[in-house]
Protein backbone atom coordinates (compact mmCIF):
# COMPACT_ATOMS: atom_id res chain seq x y z
CA MET A 1 57.39 105.01 110.97
CA ALA A 2 55.66 103.71 107.99
CA LYS A 3 57.40 100.39 108.39
CA VAL A 4 56.56 99.97 112.09
CA ALA A 5 53.09 101.10 111.27
CA ALA A 6 52.66 98.19 108.74
CA GLY A 7 53.44 95.71 111.34
CA GLN A 8 57.08 95.27 111.16
CA SER A 9 59.31 95.16 114.34
CA ARG A 10 61.66 97.73 115.22
CA ALA A 11 64.74 95.31 114.59
CA GLN A 12 63.50 94.33 111.24
CA ALA A 13 62.90 98.05 110.13
CA ALA A 14 66.36 98.97 111.24
CA ARG A 15 67.79 96.06 109.15
CA GLU A 16 66.07 97.17 106.06
CA LEU A 17 66.92 100.77 106.63
CA LEU A 18 70.60 99.95 107.35
CA CYS A 19 70.29 101.82 110.60
CA ALA A 20 70.71 101.01 114.35
CA THR A 21 67.73 99.53 116.14
CA SER A 22 68.00 102.35 118.60
CA THR A 23 67.45 104.92 115.98
CA VAL A 24 64.23 103.30 115.09
CA VAL A 25 63.27 103.13 118.82
CA SER A 26 63.78 106.74 119.45
CA ALA A 27 61.98 107.82 116.32
CA VAL A 28 58.88 105.94 117.38
CA LEU A 29 59.07 107.36 120.96
CA ARG A 30 59.39 110.82 119.59
CA TYR A 31 56.38 110.22 117.12
CA ARG A 32 54.10 109.04 119.89
CA GLU A 33 55.17 112.03 122.02
CA ARG A 34 54.85 114.94 119.73
CA GLY A 35 53.62 113.57 116.34
CA ARG A 36 55.04 114.67 113.16
CA ALA A 37 57.07 117.50 114.92
CA GLY A 38 59.08 115.03 116.84
CA LEU A 39 60.61 113.53 113.75
CA ARG A 40 61.99 116.97 112.67
CA ASP A 41 65.74 117.46 112.96
CA GLY A 42 66.24 119.11 116.31
CA ARG A 43 69.09 121.20 114.99
CA ALA A 44 66.76 123.28 112.92
CA PHE A 45 65.88 125.32 115.76
CA ASN A 46 69.56 126.08 116.70
CA GLY A 47 69.50 129.45 114.92
CA PRO A 48 71.54 130.48 112.05
CA ARG A 49 74.59 128.43 111.10
CA LYS A 50 78.01 129.57 112.53
CA VAL A 51 80.04 128.38 109.76
CA ASP A 52 78.69 130.56 106.78
CA ALA A 53 80.41 132.18 104.05
CA ARG A 54 81.87 135.08 105.71
CA PHE A 55 83.30 132.70 108.36
CA ARG A 56 84.97 130.41 105.70
CA LYS A 57 86.41 133.54 103.99
CA ASN A 58 87.66 134.82 107.20
CA LEU A 59 89.27 131.51 107.92
CA CYS A 60 90.94 131.37 104.59
CA ARG A 61 92.58 134.72 105.39
CA VAL A 62 94.06 133.35 108.50
CA LEU A 63 95.54 130.37 106.92
CA GLU A 64 97.22 132.37 104.32
CA GLY A 65 99.49 133.63 107.20
CA THR A 66 101.40 132.03 110.12
CA PRO A 67 100.46 132.04 113.72
CA GLN A 68 103.47 134.36 114.44
CA GLN A 69 102.34 136.78 111.98
CA SER A 70 99.08 137.01 113.98
CA GLY A 71 100.86 137.60 117.28
CA TRP A 72 100.99 133.78 118.51
CA ARG A 73 104.14 132.09 119.58
CA ARG A 74 103.34 128.74 117.91
CA THR A 75 104.93 127.92 114.47
CA THR A 76 101.75 125.84 113.34
CA TRP A 77 97.99 126.26 113.43
CA THR A 78 95.91 123.99 115.53
CA ARG A 79 92.10 123.77 115.60
CA GLU A 80 91.87 125.45 119.08
CA LEU A 81 94.18 128.11 117.99
CA LEU A 82 92.35 128.87 114.65
CA ALA A 83 88.98 129.07 116.62
CA ARG A 84 90.56 131.66 119.08
CA GLU A 85 92.05 133.63 116.15
CA VAL A 86 88.90 133.57 114.08
CA GLU A 87 86.97 134.84 117.08
CA ARG A 88 89.42 137.66 117.72
CA ARG A 89 88.85 138.75 114.16
CA GLY A 90 85.20 139.51 114.98
CA ARG A 91 83.76 136.05 114.15
CA VAL A 92 81.69 133.59 116.61
CA ARG A 93 83.53 131.22 118.80
CA VAL A 94 83.42 127.50 117.47
CA SER A 95 84.45 124.35 118.98
CA PRO A 96 87.49 122.43 117.79
CA ALA A 97 85.31 119.78 116.15
CA THR A 98 83.25 122.57 114.23
CA MET A 99 86.63 124.14 113.14
CA GLY A 100 87.59 120.78 111.82
CA ARG A 101 84.52 120.54 109.65
CA ALA A 102 85.17 124.13 108.41
CA LEU A 103 88.76 123.24 107.50
CA ILE A 104 87.44 120.44 105.46
CA SER A 105 84.84 122.67 103.61
CA VAL A 106 87.44 125.03 102.54
CA GLY A 107 89.74 122.42 101.24
CA ALA A 108 92.49 122.61 104.01
CA ARG A 109 94.88 119.54 104.61
CA ARG A 110 97.33 118.89 107.14
CA LYS A 111 100.71 118.84 105.56
CA TRP A 112 104.38 118.82 106.74
CA PRO A 113 105.71 122.31 106.84
CA ARG A 114 108.78 123.07 104.60
CA SER A 115 111.54 124.15 106.86
CA VAL A 116 113.94 126.86 105.31
CA VAL A 117 116.97 128.57 106.54
CA ARG A 118 117.26 132.48 106.00
CA CYS A 119 120.35 134.07 104.43
CA PRO A 120 122.29 135.77 107.22
CA CYS A 121 123.64 138.18 104.86
CA PRO A 122 121.79 141.58 104.16
CA SER A 123 119.67 141.68 101.18
CA CYS A 124 121.90 144.13 99.28
CA ARG A 125 125.15 142.08 99.82
CA ARG A 126 123.04 138.81 98.79
CA ARG A 127 121.96 140.20 95.40
CA GLN A 128 125.44 141.58 94.83
CA ARG A 129 126.78 138.19 95.41
CA LEU A 130 124.37 136.47 93.34
CA TRP A 131 124.98 138.76 90.40
CA GLN A 132 128.68 137.99 90.61
CA LEU A 133 128.02 134.43 90.50
CA LYS A 134 125.79 134.78 87.53
CA CYS A 135 128.38 136.87 85.66
CA TRP A 136 131.00 134.11 86.39
CA ALA A 137 128.87 131.33 85.02
CA THR A 138 127.72 133.40 81.96
CA TYR A 139 131.26 134.59 81.04
CA ALA A 140 133.22 131.59 81.93
CA ARG A 141 136.36 130.82 79.65
CA PRO A 142 137.55 127.56 78.54
CA GLN A 143 140.79 128.13 80.53
CA GLU A 144 138.79 128.96 83.99
CA PRO A 145 135.64 126.95 83.80
CA VAL A 146 132.87 127.62 86.35
CA LEU A 147 131.17 124.63 87.91
CA TYR A 148 128.26 124.04 90.27
CA GLU A 149 129.06 121.66 92.97
CA ASP A 150 126.87 119.76 95.38
CA GLU A 151 126.63 116.35 97.34
CA MET A 152 123.63 113.93 97.94
CA ASP A 153 122.85 110.94 100.07
CA VAL A 154 121.61 107.76 98.02
CA HIS A 155 119.54 105.34 100.18
CA ARG A 156 119.68 101.63 98.88
CA ASN A 157 116.25 100.87 100.66
CA PRO A 158 113.32 102.10 98.51
CA LYS A 159 111.13 104.77 100.06
CA ILE A 160 107.69 103.62 101.19
CA GLY A 161 104.67 105.72 101.32
CA LEU A 162 101.16 105.49 101.56
CA ASP A 163 99.33 103.01 99.44
CA TRP A 164 95.82 101.77 98.73
CA MET A 165 94.81 98.28 99.99
CA LEU A 166 91.82 96.35 100.47
CA PRO A 167 90.51 95.37 104.08
CA GLY A 168 92.78 92.49 105.54
CA GLN A 169 95.52 93.00 102.96
CA ARG A 170 99.05 94.06 103.84
CA ARG A 171 101.24 94.67 100.84
CA GLU A 172 105.01 93.73 101.14
CA VAL A 173 107.89 95.83 99.68
CA VAL A 174 111.07 93.89 99.07
CA THR A 175 114.18 95.62 100.54
CA PRO A 176 117.86 94.74 100.54
CA GLY A 177 117.85 94.57 104.36
CA ASN A 178 119.50 97.07 106.57
CA ASN A 179 119.73 100.40 104.91
CA ARG A 180 123.11 101.16 103.19
CA LYS A 181 123.63 104.67 102.27
CA GLN A 182 126.22 106.10 99.71
CA TYR A 183 127.17 109.49 98.77
CA VAL A 184 127.66 111.10 95.33
CA ALA A 185 129.24 114.44 94.58
CA GLY A 186 128.79 116.16 91.29
CA ALA A 187 129.90 119.19 89.53
CA LEU A 188 127.94 120.58 86.68
CA ASP A 189 129.94 122.81 84.01
CA ALA A 190 128.05 126.03 83.77
CA HIS A 191 129.07 126.61 80.09
CA THR A 192 129.06 123.25 78.55
CA GLY A 193 126.51 121.39 80.74
CA ARG A 194 128.98 118.43 81.31
CA LEU A 195 128.50 116.76 84.45
CA THR A 196 131.36 115.12 86.61
CA TRP A 197 130.62 112.99 89.56
CA VAL A 198 132.33 110.64 92.12
CA LYS A 199 130.88 108.27 94.66
CA GLY A 200 132.07 107.44 98.28
CA GLN A 201 131.11 105.74 101.30
CA ARG A 202 131.12 108.57 103.46
CA LYS A 203 130.46 112.41 103.01
CA THR A 204 133.91 113.63 104.29
CA SER A 205 136.47 116.02 102.83
CA ALA A 206 137.91 112.96 100.99
CA LEU A 207 134.69 112.82 98.81
CA PHE A 208 135.14 116.66 97.78
CA ILE A 209 138.74 116.21 97.11
CA ASP A 210 138.08 113.31 94.82
CA LEU A 211 135.59 115.48 92.93
CA VAL A 212 138.09 118.19 92.52
CA ARG A 213 140.65 115.73 91.06
CA ALA A 214 138.00 114.14 88.91
CA VAL A 215 137.18 117.59 87.53
CA ALA A 216 140.68 118.44 87.05
CA ALA A 217 141.40 115.26 85.12
CA ALA A 218 138.41 116.11 82.91
CA SER A 219 139.62 119.55 82.03
CA PRO A 220 143.36 119.07 81.43
CA LYS A 221 143.63 122.57 79.78
CA ALA A 222 142.07 124.48 82.57
CA LYS A 223 144.43 126.69 84.27
CA ARG A 224 141.97 127.43 87.18
CA LEU A 225 138.77 125.96 88.46
CA HIS A 226 135.87 127.96 89.83
CA PHE A 227 133.56 126.19 92.12
CA ILE A 228 130.20 127.40 93.15
CA LEU A 229 129.14 125.56 96.23
CA ASP A 230 127.57 126.05 99.71
CA ASN A 231 129.30 126.54 103.09
CA ALA A 232 129.69 122.84 104.17
CA ALA A 233 132.70 122.03 106.12
CA THR A 234 133.93 119.33 103.73
CA HIS A 235 134.52 121.99 101.27
CA SER A 236 137.24 123.86 103.31
CA SER A 237 139.62 120.95 102.75
CA CYS A 238 140.38 121.99 99.06
CA CYS A 239 143.37 124.22 100.20
CA ARG A 240 145.02 121.06 101.64
CA VAL A 241 145.30 119.46 98.18
CA ARG A 242 146.39 122.71 96.51
CA ASP A 243 150.16 121.95 96.55
CA ARG A 244 149.64 118.26 95.88
CA SER A 245 147.43 118.55 92.77
CA GLY A 246 148.19 122.01 91.53
CA ILE A 247 144.69 123.25 91.84
CA ASN A 248 143.68 126.63 92.60
């Protein structure tokens, strides 16, 4: 208003104030109609803020749990669902846009949930089995070594994630071309810490059989090999090479 009163045009005042011309025009109209009261923020008369400290505290409590724990069928929270849940817990109803600002104010971010698989065994049986495995690994004898076994996928192409770049810039990452995967199987001796591994083109029973033979060759004095592994279907092929390799 001071710049316009000094003789500047609305467009020139907007350029100096780094705002839109329509903002200056509307401000001048409000000042002519209502004086200084027209320049006040109209949201000042909206009443108390809905998103206060108690609202944020209640929102954090909701985010600590899952929708299913609160009685909803969804597996992830949405802004609309959070607004309904917070309202159900005794707070006011807010719009999804207001809920989005509230989530930012409490430091919440959208992330990929980590998928897990629950063990189908009862808790008592699971604890007993884990205790047996720990005892085998702790009191392993040189004649009967205990090994932890697993497989992994190796991708030849590099993993490309988010990167910081200037406007108009597009960084390039050199790749070998079509992604080529290889598979590695390894066995870690629970007593000595020695790692034995093999690689293959496919994650099949042959890869696990090659690993068993490599471990047997690396432990010529072993009478029996104990493998601690998961329930992958490829691990059941060990019985097929028992007679040929002499491994139990």
